[in-house]
Each structure stands twice: as C-alpha cells, then as structure tokens.
Amino acid sequence: MESKTARLTILIDPAKKQAFEELCALQDQTASQVLRQLIRDYLEKHQVDYPTKARLAPK
C-alpha cells in the first residue's frame, strides 16, 4: 500500500471532465479512485513492476 502520494496534473477538455466525474459519481467512486485503478491496470497490462505493487502470497 502506498504511504505517500504524488500529484499528477492533466489537461482535459471540460466536457469530458464533467462527463467523467458524473460517471464516477454514478458508480460511487471518485475520479481519483478510477484514475488510480486505470494506472494500476495499465502498468499490469504492460508488465511493469514498481515498489508498491501488491504481491499475492504464494500458494
């Protein structure tokens, strides 16, 4: 689990931002939660390892 945070600033068209935030709210999630999951999924898809990546216990 991450103990510190870093800010990531992006520029996005206001209509997309509003639509995204409304969809997130409908799913009872914040935009930050959805973006963090998107980043984790993208790193996993490309098999990128990083220090705070959750490790599954061996079976």
N, C-alpha and C. Protein backbone atom coordinates (compact mmCIF):
# COMPACT_ATOMS: atom_id res chain seq x y z
N MET A 1 0.84 -1.17 0.00
CA MET A 1 0.00 0.00 0.00
C MET A 1 0.89 1.24 0.00
N GLU A 2 0.52 2.21 -0.81
CA GLU A 2 1.29 3.43 -0.89
C GLU A 2 1.17 4.22 0.41
N SER A 3 2.29 4.77 0.89
CA SER A 3 2.23 5.57 2.10
C SER A 3 2.33 7.06 1.80
N LYS A 4 2.89 7.41 0.66
CA LYS A 4 2.98 8.81 0.25
C LYS A 4 2.25 8.97 -1.07
N THR A 5 1.91 10.18 -1.38
CA THR A 5 1.23 10.43 -2.65
C THR A 5 2.00 11.48 -3.44
N ALA A 6 1.78 11.48 -4.74
CA ALA A 6 2.34 12.48 -5.64
C ALA A 6 1.20 12.98 -6.51
N ARG A 7 1.30 14.22 -6.88
CA ARG A 7 0.25 14.83 -7.70
C ARG A 7 0.55 14.62 -9.18
N LEU A 8 -0.47 14.27 -9.94
CA LEU A 8 -0.38 14.14 -11.39
C LEU A 8 -1.41 15.10 -11.97
N THR A 9 -0.95 16.07 -12.72
CA THR A 9 -1.85 17.07 -13.29
C THR A 9 -2.02 16.80 -14.78
N ILE A 10 -3.25 16.74 -15.23
CA ILE A 10 -3.52 16.52 -16.65
C ILE A 10 -4.42 17.63 -17.16
N LEU A 11 -4.34 17.88 -18.44
CA LEU A 11 -5.25 18.81 -19.09
C LEU A 11 -6.26 18.00 -19.88
N ILE A 12 -7.52 18.32 -19.71
CA ILE A 12 -8.59 17.58 -20.37
C ILE A 12 -9.68 18.56 -20.75
N ASP A 13 -10.36 18.26 -21.81
CA ASP A 13 -11.45 19.15 -22.24
C ASP A 13 -12.55 19.14 -21.18
N PRO A 14 -13.07 20.31 -20.86
CA PRO A 14 -14.04 20.43 -19.76
C PRO A 14 -15.28 19.53 -19.90
N ALA A 15 -15.74 19.31 -21.12
CA ALA A 15 -16.93 18.46 -21.30
C ALA A 15 -16.60 17.01 -20.94
N LYS A 16 -15.41 16.54 -21.31
CA LYS A 16 -15.00 15.17 -20.95
C LYS A 16 -14.83 15.05 -19.44
N LYS A 17 -14.24 16.08 -18.83
CA LYS A 17 -14.05 16.06 -17.37
C LYS A 17 -15.39 15.96 -16.66
N GLN A 18 -16.34 16.76 -17.07
CA GLN A 18 -17.66 16.73 -16.43
C GLN A 18 -18.32 15.37 -16.62
N ALA A 19 -18.28 14.83 -17.83
CA ALA A 19 -18.89 13.52 -18.10
C ALA A 19 -18.22 12.44 -17.26
N PHE A 20 -16.89 12.49 -17.17
CA PHE A 20 -16.13 11.51 -16.38
C PHE A 20 -16.50 11.59 -14.91
N GLU A 21 -16.53 12.81 -14.36
CA GLU A 21 -16.87 12.98 -12.95
C GLU A 21 -18.30 12.54 -12.65
N GLU A 22 -19.21 12.80 -13.57
CA GLU A 22 -20.60 12.36 -13.38
C GLU A 22 -20.70 10.83 -13.39
N LEU A 23 -19.99 10.20 -14.31
CA LEU A 23 -19.99 8.73 -14.36
C LEU A 23 -19.38 8.15 -13.10
N CYS A 24 -18.27 8.72 -12.66
CA CYS A 24 -17.65 8.25 -11.41
C CYS A 24 -18.64 8.35 -10.26
N ALA A 25 -19.34 9.47 -10.16
CA ALA A 25 -20.30 9.67 -9.07
C ALA A 25 -21.43 8.64 -9.14
N LEU A 26 -21.88 8.33 -10.35
CA LEU A 26 -22.93 7.32 -10.51
C LEU A 26 -22.47 5.95 -10.02
N GLN A 27 -21.15 5.71 -10.11
CA GLN A 27 -20.59 4.44 -9.68
C GLN A 27 -20.06 4.51 -8.25
N ASP A 28 -20.39 5.60 -7.55
CA ASP A 28 -19.98 5.82 -6.16
C ASP A 28 -18.47 5.72 -5.99
N GLN A 29 -17.74 6.33 -6.93
CA GLN A 29 -16.29 6.39 -6.88
C GLN A 29 -15.85 7.81 -7.17
N THR A 30 -14.66 8.15 -6.68
CA THR A 30 -14.11 9.46 -7.03
C THR A 30 -13.32 9.31 -8.33
N ALA A 31 -13.09 10.43 -8.98
CA ALA A 31 -12.27 10.43 -10.19
C ALA A 31 -10.87 9.89 -9.86
N SER A 32 -10.35 10.27 -8.72
CA SER A 32 -9.01 9.80 -8.33
C SER A 32 -8.97 8.28 -8.17
N GLN A 33 -10.00 7.70 -7.57
CA GLN A 33 -10.04 6.24 -7.41
C GLN A 33 -10.01 5.55 -8.77
N VAL A 34 -10.81 6.06 -9.70
CA VAL A 34 -10.88 5.45 -11.02
C VAL A 34 -9.55 5.61 -11.76
N LEU A 35 -8.96 6.78 -11.67
CA LEU A 35 -7.68 7.00 -12.35
C LEU A 35 -6.56 6.16 -11.76
N ARG A 36 -6.54 6.00 -10.43
CA ARG A 36 -5.52 5.13 -9.82
C ARG A 36 -5.68 3.69 -10.30
N GLN A 37 -6.91 3.21 -10.40
CA GLN A 37 -7.14 1.85 -10.90
C GLN A 37 -6.73 1.74 -12.36
N LEU A 38 -7.04 2.73 -13.16
CA LEU A 38 -6.65 2.74 -14.57
C LEU A 38 -5.13 2.64 -14.70
N ILE A 39 -4.41 3.40 -13.88
CA ILE A 39 -2.94 3.37 -13.92
C ILE A 39 -2.42 1.99 -13.50
N ARG A 40 -2.98 1.43 -12.42
CA ARG A 40 -2.55 0.08 -11.99
C ARG A 40 -2.79 -0.94 -13.10
N ASP A 41 -3.98 -0.88 -13.73
CA ASP A 41 -4.30 -1.82 -14.81
C ASP A 41 -3.36 -1.65 -15.99
N TYR A 42 -3.02 -0.41 -16.34
CA TYR A 42 -2.14 -0.13 -17.47
C TYR A 42 -0.73 -0.66 -17.19
N LEU A 43 -0.25 -0.45 -15.97
CA LEU A 43 1.07 -0.98 -15.60
C LEU A 43 1.07 -2.51 -15.64
N GLU A 44 0.00 -3.11 -15.13
CA GLU A 44 -0.11 -4.58 -15.15
C GLU A 44 -0.15 -5.10 -16.58
N LYS A 45 -0.93 -4.47 -17.43
CA LYS A 45 -1.05 -4.88 -18.84
C LYS A 45 0.32 -4.90 -19.51
N HIS A 46 1.17 -3.95 -19.15
CA HIS A 46 2.49 -3.85 -19.77
C HIS A 46 3.58 -4.47 -18.90
N GLN A 47 3.16 -5.24 -17.91
CA GLN A 47 4.05 -6.00 -17.04
C GLN A 47 5.15 -5.14 -16.43
N VAL A 48 4.76 -3.97 -15.95
CA VAL A 48 5.70 -3.06 -15.31
C VAL A 48 5.65 -3.29 -13.81
N ASP A 49 6.81 -3.51 -13.21
CA ASP A 49 6.90 -3.70 -11.77
C ASP A 49 7.25 -2.37 -11.12
N TYR A 50 6.78 -2.17 -9.90
CA TYR A 50 7.07 -0.95 -9.16
C TYR A 50 7.04 -1.28 -7.67
N PRO A 51 7.73 -0.51 -6.86
CA PRO A 51 7.93 -0.88 -5.45
C PRO A 51 6.67 -1.12 -4.63
N THR A 52 5.58 -0.41 -4.87
CA THR A 52 4.39 -0.58 -4.03
C THR A 52 3.36 -1.52 -4.62
N LYS A 53 3.74 -2.24 -5.67
CA LYS A 53 2.81 -3.18 -6.29
C LYS A 53 2.43 -4.27 -5.30
N ALA A 54 1.13 -4.52 -5.18
CA ALA A 54 0.66 -5.56 -4.26
C ALA A 54 1.14 -6.92 -4.76
N ARG A 55 1.63 -7.70 -3.85
CA ARG A 55 2.12 -9.04 -4.20
C ARG A 55 1.13 -10.07 -3.66
N LEU A 56 0.83 -11.07 -4.46
CA LEU A 56 -0.01 -12.17 -3.99
C LEU A 56 0.86 -13.15 -3.23
N ALA A 57 0.35 -13.64 -2.15
CA ALA A 57 1.10 -14.63 -1.37
C ALA A 57 1.18 -15.92 -2.18
N PRO A 58 2.33 -16.60 -2.14
CA PRO A 58 2.45 -17.88 -2.86
C PRO A 58 1.50 -18.92 -2.27
N LYS A 59 0.98 -19.77 -3.14
CA LYS A 59 0.04 -20.81 -2.69
C LYS A 59 0.78 -22.06 -2.30
